PDB file of all heavy atoms in Angstrom:
ATOM      1  N   GLU A   1      -7.110  -9.519 109.891  1.00  0.00           N
ATOM      2  CA  GLU A   1      -7.159  -8.146 110.007  1.00  0.00           C
ATOM      3  C   GLU A   1      -7.305  -7.706 111.492  1.00  0.00           C
ATOM      4  O   GLU A   1      -8.155  -8.293 112.269  1.00  0.00           O
ATOM      5  CB  GLU A   1      -8.377  -7.572 109.213  1.00  0.00           C
ATOM      6  CG  GLU A   1      -8.168  -7.610 107.738  1.00  0.00           C
ATOM      7  CD  GLU A   1      -9.356  -7.129 106.835  1.00  0.00           C
ATOM      8  OE1 GLU A   1     -10.508  -7.408 107.402  1.00  0.00           O
ATOM      9  OE2 GLU A   1      -9.105  -6.514 105.881  1.00  0.00           O
ATOM     10  N   GLY A   2      -6.545  -6.743 111.888  1.00  0.00           N
ATOM     11  CA  GLY A   2      -6.594  -6.201 113.277  1.00  0.00           C
ATOM     12  C   GLY A   2      -5.588  -6.921 114.174  1.00  0.00           C
ATOM     13  O   GLY A   2      -5.317  -6.418 115.273  1.00  0.00           O
ATOM     14  N   ASP A   3      -5.041  -8.124 113.785  1.00  0.00           N
ATOM     15  CA  ASP A   3      -4.029  -8.787 114.551  1.00  0.00           C
ATOM     16  C   ASP A   3      -2.689  -8.316 114.434  1.00  0.00           C
ATOM     17  O   ASP A   3      -2.473  -7.296 113.657  1.00  0.00           O
ATOM     18  CB  ASP A   3      -4.063 -10.324 114.195  1.00  0.00           C
ATOM     19  CG  ASP A   3      -5.390 -11.000 114.775  1.00  0.00           C
ATOM     20  OD1 ASP A   3      -6.024 -10.409 115.485  1.00  0.00           O
ATOM     21  OD2 ASP A   3      -5.496 -12.086 114.331  1.00  0.00           O
ATOM     22  N   THR A   4      -1.685  -8.908 115.126  1.00  0.00           N
ATOM     23  CA  THR A   4      -0.267  -8.559 114.854  1.00  0.00           C
ATOM     24  C   THR A   4       0.441  -9.711 114.274  1.00  0.00           C
ATOM     25  O   THR A   4       0.220 -10.799 114.638  1.00  0.00           O
ATOM     26  CB  THR A   4       0.307  -8.193 116.349  1.00  0.00           C
ATOM     27  OG1 THR A   4      -0.374  -7.037 116.868  1.00  0.00           O
ATOM     28  CG2 THR A   4       1.842  -7.912 116.214  1.00  0.00           C
ATOM     29  N   ALA A   5       1.334  -9.445 113.402  1.00  0.00           N
ATOM     30  CA  ALA A   5       2.181 -10.488 112.740  1.00  0.00           C
ATOM     31  C   ALA A   5       3.611 -10.225 113.130  1.00  0.00           C
ATOM     32  O   ALA A   5       4.021  -9.024 113.102  1.00  0.00           O
ATOM     33  CB  ALA A   5       1.976 -10.409 111.287  1.00  0.00           C
ATOM     34  N   VAL A   6       4.364 -11.282 113.375  1.00  0.00           N
ATOM     35  CA  VAL A   6       5.841 -11.187 113.614  1.00  0.00           C
ATOM     36  C   VAL A   6       6.521 -12.044 112.594  1.00  0.00           C
ATOM     37  O   VAL A   6       6.295 -13.218 112.421  1.00  0.00           O
ATOM     38  CB  VAL A   6       6.117 -11.740 114.969  1.00  0.00           C
ATOM     39  CG1 VAL A   6       7.622 -11.607 115.277  1.00  0.00           C
ATOM     40  CG2 VAL A   6       5.456 -10.846 116.088  1.00  0.00           C
ATOM     41  N   MET A   7       7.488 -11.500 111.852  1.00  0.00           N
ATOM     42  CA  MET A   7       8.253 -12.144 110.818  1.00  0.00           C
ATOM     43  C   MET A   7       9.732 -12.189 111.363  1.00  0.00           C
ATOM     44  O   MET A   7      10.248 -11.211 112.071  1.00  0.00           O
ATOM     45  CB  MET A   7       8.234 -11.449 109.490  1.00  0.00           C
ATOM     46  CG  MET A   7       6.818 -11.586 108.857  1.00  0.00           C
ATOM     47  SD  MET A   7       6.742 -10.885 107.210  1.00  0.00           S
ATOM     48  CE  MET A   7       6.300  -9.136 107.712  1.00  0.00           C
ATOM     49  N   ILE A   8      10.328 -13.359 111.088  1.00  0.00           N
ATOM     50  CA  ILE A   8      11.651 -13.590 111.771  1.00  0.00           C
ATOM     51  C   ILE A   8      12.758 -13.941 110.498  1.00  0.00           C
ATOM     52  O   ILE A   8      12.422 -14.733 109.685  1.00  0.00           O
ATOM     53  CB  ILE A   8      11.591 -14.737 112.685  1.00  0.00           C
ATOM     54  CG1 ILE A   8      10.629 -14.538 113.770  1.00  0.00           C
ATOM     55  CG2 ILE A   8      12.926 -15.037 113.261  1.00  0.00           C
ATOM     56  CD1 ILE A   8      10.317 -15.704 114.646  1.00  0.00           C
ATOM     57  N   CYS A   9      13.855 -13.412 110.660  1.00  0.00           N
ATOM     58  CA  CYS A   9      14.964 -13.692 109.754  1.00  0.00           C
ATOM     59  C   CYS A   9      16.262 -14.101 110.552  1.00  0.00           C
ATOM     60  O   CYS A   9      16.546 -13.455 111.610  1.00  0.00           O
ATOM     61  CB  CYS A   9      15.318 -12.529 108.810  1.00  0.00           C
ATOM     62  SG  CYS A   9      14.472 -12.594 107.322  1.00  0.00           S
ATOM     63  N   LYS A  10      17.018 -15.130 110.085  1.00  0.00           N
ATOM     64  CA  LYS A  10      18.157 -15.563 110.708  1.00  0.00           C
ATOM     65  C   LYS A  10      19.307 -15.613 109.760  1.00  0.00           C
ATOM     66  O   LYS A  10      19.060 -15.976 108.590  1.00  0.00           O
ATOM     67  CB  LYS A  10      17.934 -16.958 111.392  1.00  0.00           C
ATOM     68  CG  LYS A  10      16.800 -17.031 112.361  1.00  0.00           C
ATOM     69  CD  LYS A  10      16.601 -18.452 112.946  1.00  0.00           C
ATOM     70  CE  LYS A  10      15.430 -18.465 113.900  1.00  0.00           C
ATOM     71  NZ  LYS A  10      15.257 -19.865 114.486  1.00  0.00           N
ATOM     72  N   SER A  11      20.455 -15.416 110.223  1.00  0.00           N
ATOM     73  CA  SER A  11      21.703 -15.545 109.508  1.00  0.00           C
ATOM     74  C   SER A  11      22.476 -16.683 110.127  1.00  0.00           C
ATOM     75  O   SER A  11      22.584 -16.775 111.277  1.00  0.00           O
ATOM     76  CB  SER A  11      22.587 -14.271 109.494  1.00  0.00           C
ATOM     77  OG  SER A  11      23.801 -14.495 109.015  1.00  0.00           O
ATOM     78  N   PHE A  12      22.961 -17.590 109.245  1.00  0.00           N
ATOM     79  CA  PHE A  12      23.649 -18.800 109.704  1.00  0.00           C
ATOM     80  C   PHE A  12      25.142 -18.615 109.426  1.00  0.00           C
ATOM     81  O   PHE A  12      25.572 -18.312 108.341  1.00  0.00           O
ATOM     82  CB  PHE A  12      23.173 -20.083 109.023  1.00  0.00           C
ATOM     83  CG  PHE A  12      21.751 -20.324 109.389  1.00  0.00           C
ATOM     84  CD1 PHE A  12      20.685 -19.823 108.720  1.00  0.00           C
ATOM     85  CD2 PHE A  12      21.452 -21.171 110.451  1.00  0.00           C
ATOM     86  CE1 PHE A  12      19.367 -20.138 109.028  1.00  0.00           C
ATOM     87  CE2 PHE A  12      20.120 -21.439 110.840  1.00  0.00           C
ATOM     88  CZ  PHE A  12      19.046 -20.959 110.100  1.00  0.00           C
ATOM     89  N   GLY A  13      25.906 -18.869 110.412  1.00  0.00           N
ATOM     90  CA  GLY A  13      27.368 -18.988 110.252  1.00  0.00           C
ATOM     91  C   GLY A  13      28.076 -17.660 110.494  1.00  0.00           C
ATOM     92  O   GLY A  13      29.193 -17.685 111.072  1.00  0.00           O
ATOM     93  N   TYR A  14      27.545 -16.606 110.128  1.00  0.00           N
ATOM     94  CA  TYR A  14      28.171 -15.275 110.150  1.00  0.00           C
ATOM     95  C   TYR A  14      27.281 -14.195 110.691  1.00  0.00           C
ATOM     96  O   TYR A  14      26.061 -14.206 110.394  1.00  0.00           O
ATOM     97  CB  TYR A  14      28.708 -14.843 108.783  1.00  0.00           C
ATOM     98  CG  TYR A  14      29.552 -15.964 108.136  1.00  0.00           C
ATOM     99  CD1 TYR A  14      28.846 -16.692 107.187  1.00  0.00           C
ATOM    100  CD2 TYR A  14      30.849 -16.178 108.472  1.00  0.00           C
ATOM    101  CE1 TYR A  14      29.593 -17.793 106.523  1.00  0.00           C
ATOM    102  CE2 TYR A  14      31.530 -17.211 107.845  1.00  0.00           C
ATOM    103  CZ  TYR A  14      30.905 -17.967 106.883  1.00  0.00           C
ATOM    104  OH  TYR A  14      31.621 -18.924 106.229  1.00  0.00           O
ATOM    105  N   SER A  15      27.700 -13.231 111.470  1.00  0.00           N
ATOM    106  CA  SER A  15      26.985 -12.180 112.053  1.00  0.00           C
ATOM    107  C   SER A  15      26.952 -10.997 111.158  1.00  0.00           C
ATOM    108  O   SER A  15      28.102 -10.397 110.858  1.00  0.00           O
ATOM    109  CB  SER A  15      27.541 -11.811 113.482  1.00  0.00           C
ATOM    110  OG  SER A  15      27.426 -12.916 114.332  1.00  0.00           O
ATOM    111  N   PRO A  16      25.779 -10.509 110.716  1.00  0.00           N
ATOM    112  CA  PRO A  16      25.685  -9.235 109.935  1.00  0.00           C
ATOM    113  C   PRO A  16      26.122  -8.026 110.620  1.00  0.00           C
ATOM    114  O   PRO A  16      26.048  -7.927 111.900  1.00  0.00           O
ATOM    115  CB  PRO A  16      24.217  -9.126 109.528  1.00  0.00           C
ATOM    116  CG  PRO A  16      23.676 -10.563 109.860  1.00  0.00           C
ATOM    117  CD  PRO A  16      24.513 -11.078 111.041  1.00  0.00           C
ATOM    118  N   ILE A  17      26.521  -7.028 109.833  1.00  0.00           N
ATOM    119  CA  ILE A  17      26.870  -5.696 110.558  1.00  0.00           C
ATOM    120  C   ILE A  17      25.509  -5.042 110.924  1.00  0.00           C
ATOM    121  O   ILE A  17      25.456  -4.337 111.812  1.00  0.00           O
ATOM    122  CB  ILE A  17      27.661  -4.815 109.577  1.00  0.00           C
ATOM    123  CG1 ILE A  17      29.036  -5.551 109.218  1.00  0.00           C
ATOM    124  CG2 ILE A  17      27.949  -3.489 110.123  1.00  0.00           C
ATOM    125  CD1 ILE A  17      29.807  -4.920 108.124  1.00  0.00           C
ATOM    126  N   ALA A  18      24.572  -5.169 109.951  1.00  0.00           N
ATOM    127  CA  ALA A  18      23.311  -4.475 110.195  1.00  0.00           C
ATOM    128  C   ALA A  18      22.125  -5.261 109.434  1.00  0.00           C
ATOM    129  O   ALA A  18      22.527  -6.006 108.435  1.00  0.00           O
ATOM    130  CB  ALA A  18      23.421  -3.128 109.582  1.00  0.00           C
ATOM    131  N   TRP A  19      21.012  -5.122 109.803  1.00  0.00           N
ATOM    132  CA  TRP A  19      19.722  -5.655 109.172  1.00  0.00           C
ATOM    133  C   TRP A  19      18.997  -4.553 108.693  1.00  0.00           C
ATOM    134  O   TRP A  19      18.756  -3.478 109.254  1.00  0.00           O
ATOM    135  CB  TRP A  19      18.951  -6.502 110.165  1.00  0.00           C
ATOM    136  CG  TRP A  19      19.476  -7.803 110.560  1.00  0.00           C
ATOM    137  CD1 TRP A  19      20.290  -7.930 111.728  1.00  0.00           C
ATOM    138  CD2 TRP A  19      19.404  -9.059 109.998  1.00  0.00           C
ATOM    139  NE1 TRP A  19      20.566  -9.307 111.834  1.00  0.00           N
ATOM    140  CE2 TRP A  19      20.094  -9.959 110.829  1.00  0.00           C
ATOM    141  CE3 TRP A  19      18.758  -9.454 108.810  1.00  0.00           C
ATOM    142  CZ2 TRP A  19      20.148 -11.334 110.447  1.00  0.00           C
ATOM    143  CZ3 TRP A  19      18.873 -10.814 108.426  1.00  0.00           C
ATOM    144  CH2 TRP A  19      19.576 -11.725 109.245  1.00  0.00           C
ATOM    145  N   THR A  20      18.270  -4.818 107.477  1.00  0.00           N
ATOM    146  CA  THR A  20      17.345  -3.901 106.906  1.00  0.00           C
ATOM    147  C   THR A  20      16.029  -4.652 106.477  1.00  0.00           C
ATOM    148  O   THR A  20      16.263  -5.744 105.872  1.00  0.00           O
ATOM    149  CB  THR A  20      17.954  -3.059 105.744  1.00  0.00           C
ATOM    150  OG1 THR A  20      19.099  -2.489 106.034  1.00  0.00           O
ATOM    151  CG2 THR A  20      16.846  -2.034 105.252  1.00  0.00           C
ATOM    152  N   TRP A  21      14.873  -4.143 106.772  1.00  0.00           N
ATOM    153  CA  TRP A  21      13.662  -4.721 106.345  1.00  0.00           C
ATOM    154  C   TRP A  21      13.028  -3.920 105.158  1.00  0.00           C
ATOM    155  O   TRP A  21      13.067  -2.655 105.193  1.00  0.00           O
ATOM    156  CB  TRP A  21      12.572  -4.918 107.447  1.00  0.00           C
ATOM    157  CG  TRP A  21      12.891  -5.901 108.381  1.00  0.00           C
ATOM    158  CD1 TRP A  21      13.663  -5.863 109.584  1.00  0.00           C
ATOM    159  CD2 TRP A  21      12.391  -7.309 108.339  1.00  0.00           C
ATOM    160  NE1 TRP A  21      13.730  -7.148 110.169  1.00  0.00           N
ATOM    161  CE2 TRP A  21      12.994  -8.012 109.414  1.00  0.00           C
ATOM    162  CE3 TRP A  21      11.626  -8.048 107.405  1.00  0.00           C
ATOM    163  CZ2 TRP A  21      12.678  -9.351 109.727  1.00  0.00           C
ATOM    164  CZ3 TRP A  21      11.303  -9.302 107.701  1.00  0.00           C
ATOM    165  CH2 TRP A  21      11.909  -9.965 108.833  1.00  0.00           C
ATOM    166  N   TYR A  22      12.495  -4.708 104.217  1.00  0.00           N
ATOM    167  CA  TYR A  22      11.753  -3.957 103.045  1.00  0.00           C
ATOM    168  C   TYR A  22      10.361  -4.591 102.828  1.00  0.00           C
ATOM    169  O   TYR A  22      10.120  -5.717 103.159  1.00  0.00           O
ATOM    170  CB  TYR A  22      12.597  -4.212 101.803  1.00  0.00           C
ATOM    171  CG  TYR A  22      13.915  -3.687 101.795  1.00  0.00           C
ATOM    172  CD1 TYR A  22      15.064  -4.358 102.176  1.00  0.00           C
ATOM    173  CD2 TYR A  22      14.200  -2.308 101.289  1.00  0.00           C
ATOM    174  CE1 TYR A  22      16.282  -3.846 102.160  1.00  0.00           C
ATOM    175  CE2 TYR A  22      15.500  -1.802 101.249  1.00  0.00           C
ATOM    176  CZ  TYR A  22      16.463  -2.584 101.734  1.00  0.00           C
ATOM    177  OH  TYR A  22      17.781  -2.080 101.602  1.00  0.00           O
ATOM    178  N   MET A  23       9.511  -3.736 102.456  1.00  0.00           N
ATOM    179  CA  MET A  23       8.115  -4.115 101.937  1.00  0.00           C
ATOM    180  C   MET A  23       8.022  -3.990 100.510  1.00  0.00           C
ATOM    181  O   MET A  23       8.674  -3.026  99.913  1.00  0.00           O
ATOM    182  CB  MET A  23       7.108  -3.374 102.648  1.00  0.00           C
ATOM    183  CG  MET A  23       7.045  -1.887 102.481  1.00  0.00           C
ATOM    184  SD  MET A  23       5.905  -0.987 103.490  1.00  0.00           S
ATOM    185  CE  MET A  23       4.284  -1.628 102.789  1.00  0.00           C
ATOM    186  N   THR A  24       7.363  -4.832  99.838  1.00  0.00           N
ATOM    187  CA  THR A  24       7.244  -4.693  98.342  1.00  0.00           C
ATOM    188  C   THR A  24       6.011  -3.941  98.026  1.00  0.00           C
ATOM    189  O   THR A  24       4.906  -4.257  98.396  1.00  0.00           O
ATOM    190  CB  THR A  24       7.144  -6.101  97.728  1.00  0.00           C
ATOM    191  OG1 THR A  24       8.370  -6.883  98.061  1.00  0.00           O
ATOM    192  CG2 THR A  24       7.132  -5.989  96.191  1.00  0.00           C
ATOM    193  N   ASN A  25       6.163  -2.946  97.167  1.00  0.00           N
ATOM    194  CA  ASN A  25       5.114  -2.094  96.636  1.00  0.00           C
ATOM    195  C   ASN A  25       5.178  -2.139  95.108  1.00  0.00           C
ATOM    196  O   ASN A  25       5.867  -1.344  94.528  1.00  0.00           O
ATOM    197  CB  ASN A  25       5.224  -0.656  97.242  1.00  0.00           C
ATOM    198  CG  ASN A  25       4.055   0.171  96.757  1.00  0.00           C
ATOM    199  OD1 ASN A  25       3.077  -0.373  96.045  1.00  0.00           O
ATOM    200  ND2 ASN A  25       4.026   1.486  97.117  1.00  0.00           N
ATOM    201  N   GLY A  26       4.452  -3.128  94.501  1.00  0.00           N
ATOM    202  CA  GLY A  26       4.555  -3.304  93.110  1.00  0.00           C
ATOM    203  C   GLY A  26       5.977  -3.823  92.779  1.00  0.00           C
ATOM    204  O   GLY A  26       6.310  -4.936  93.371  1.00  0.00           O
ATOM    205  N   SER A  27       6.719  -3.227  91.959  1.00  0.00           N
ATOM    206  CA  SER A  27       8.030  -3.635  91.638  1.00  0.00           C
ATOM    207  C   SER A  27       9.089  -2.927  92.493  1.00  0.00           C
ATOM    208  O   SER A  27      10.307  -3.224  92.397  1.00  0.00           O
ATOM    209  CB  SER A  27       8.345  -3.414  90.232  1.00  0.00           C
ATOM    210  OG  SER A  27       8.224  -2.054  89.949  1.00  0.00           O
ATOM    211  N   GLU A  28       8.682  -2.138  93.397  1.00  0.00           N
ATOM    212  CA  GLU A  28       9.532  -1.257  94.249  1.00  0.00           C
ATOM    213  C   GLU A  28       9.647  -1.940  95.680  1.00  0.00           C
ATOM    214  O   GLU A  28       8.772  -2.365  96.106  1.00  0.00           O
ATOM    215  CB  GLU A  28       9.092   0.148  94.316  1.00  0.00           C
ATOM    216  CG  GLU A  28       9.925   1.106  95.066  1.00  0.00           C
ATOM    217  CD  GLU A  28       9.422   2.513  95.127  1.00  0.00           C
ATOM    218  OE1 GLU A  28       8.274   2.708  94.695  1.00  0.00           O
ATOM    219  OE2 GLU A  28      10.090   3.370  95.636  1.00  0.00           O
ATOM    220  N   GLN A  29      10.932  -1.883  96.208  1.00  0.00           N
ATOM    221  CA  GLN A  29      11.019  -2.266  97.556  1.00  0.00           C
ATOM    222  C   GLN A  29      11.290  -0.933  98.369  1.00  0.00           C
ATOM    223  O   GLN A  29      12.184  -0.141  98.154  1.00  0.00           O
ATOM    224  CB  GLN A  29      12.320  -3.150  97.710  1.00  0.00           C
ATOM    225  CG  GLN A  29      12.018  -4.573  97.075  1.00  0.00           C
ATOM    226  CD  GLN A  29      13.229  -5.516  97.333  1.00  0.00           C
ATOM    227  OE1 GLN A  29      14.274  -5.044  97.767  1.00  0.00           O
ATOM    228  NE2 GLN A  29      13.120  -6.620  96.776  1.00  0.00           N
ATOM    229  N   ILE A  30      10.456  -0.838  99.427  1.00  0.00           N
ATOM    230  CA  ILE A  30      10.508   0.315 100.325  1.00  0.00           C
ATOM    231  C   ILE A  30      11.068  -0.143 101.724  1.00  0.00           C
ATOM    232  O   ILE A  30      10.669  -1.014 102.385  1.00  0.00           O
ATOM    233  CB  ILE A  30       9.089   0.949 100.606  1.00  0.00           C
ATOM    234  CG1 ILE A  30       8.529   1.285  99.256  1.00  0.00           C
ATOM    235  CG2 ILE A  30       9.184   2.183 101.490  1.00  0.00           C
ATOM    236  CD1 ILE A  30       7.027   1.719  99.301  1.00  0.00           C
TER     237      ILE A  30
END
């Protein structure tokens, strides 16, 4: 608590047009 977290995602082989991040709230992704 109070710290900073950094999460990383990588795509292999092909470059995406765009990235989107989601957080899970119950069964819903925001």
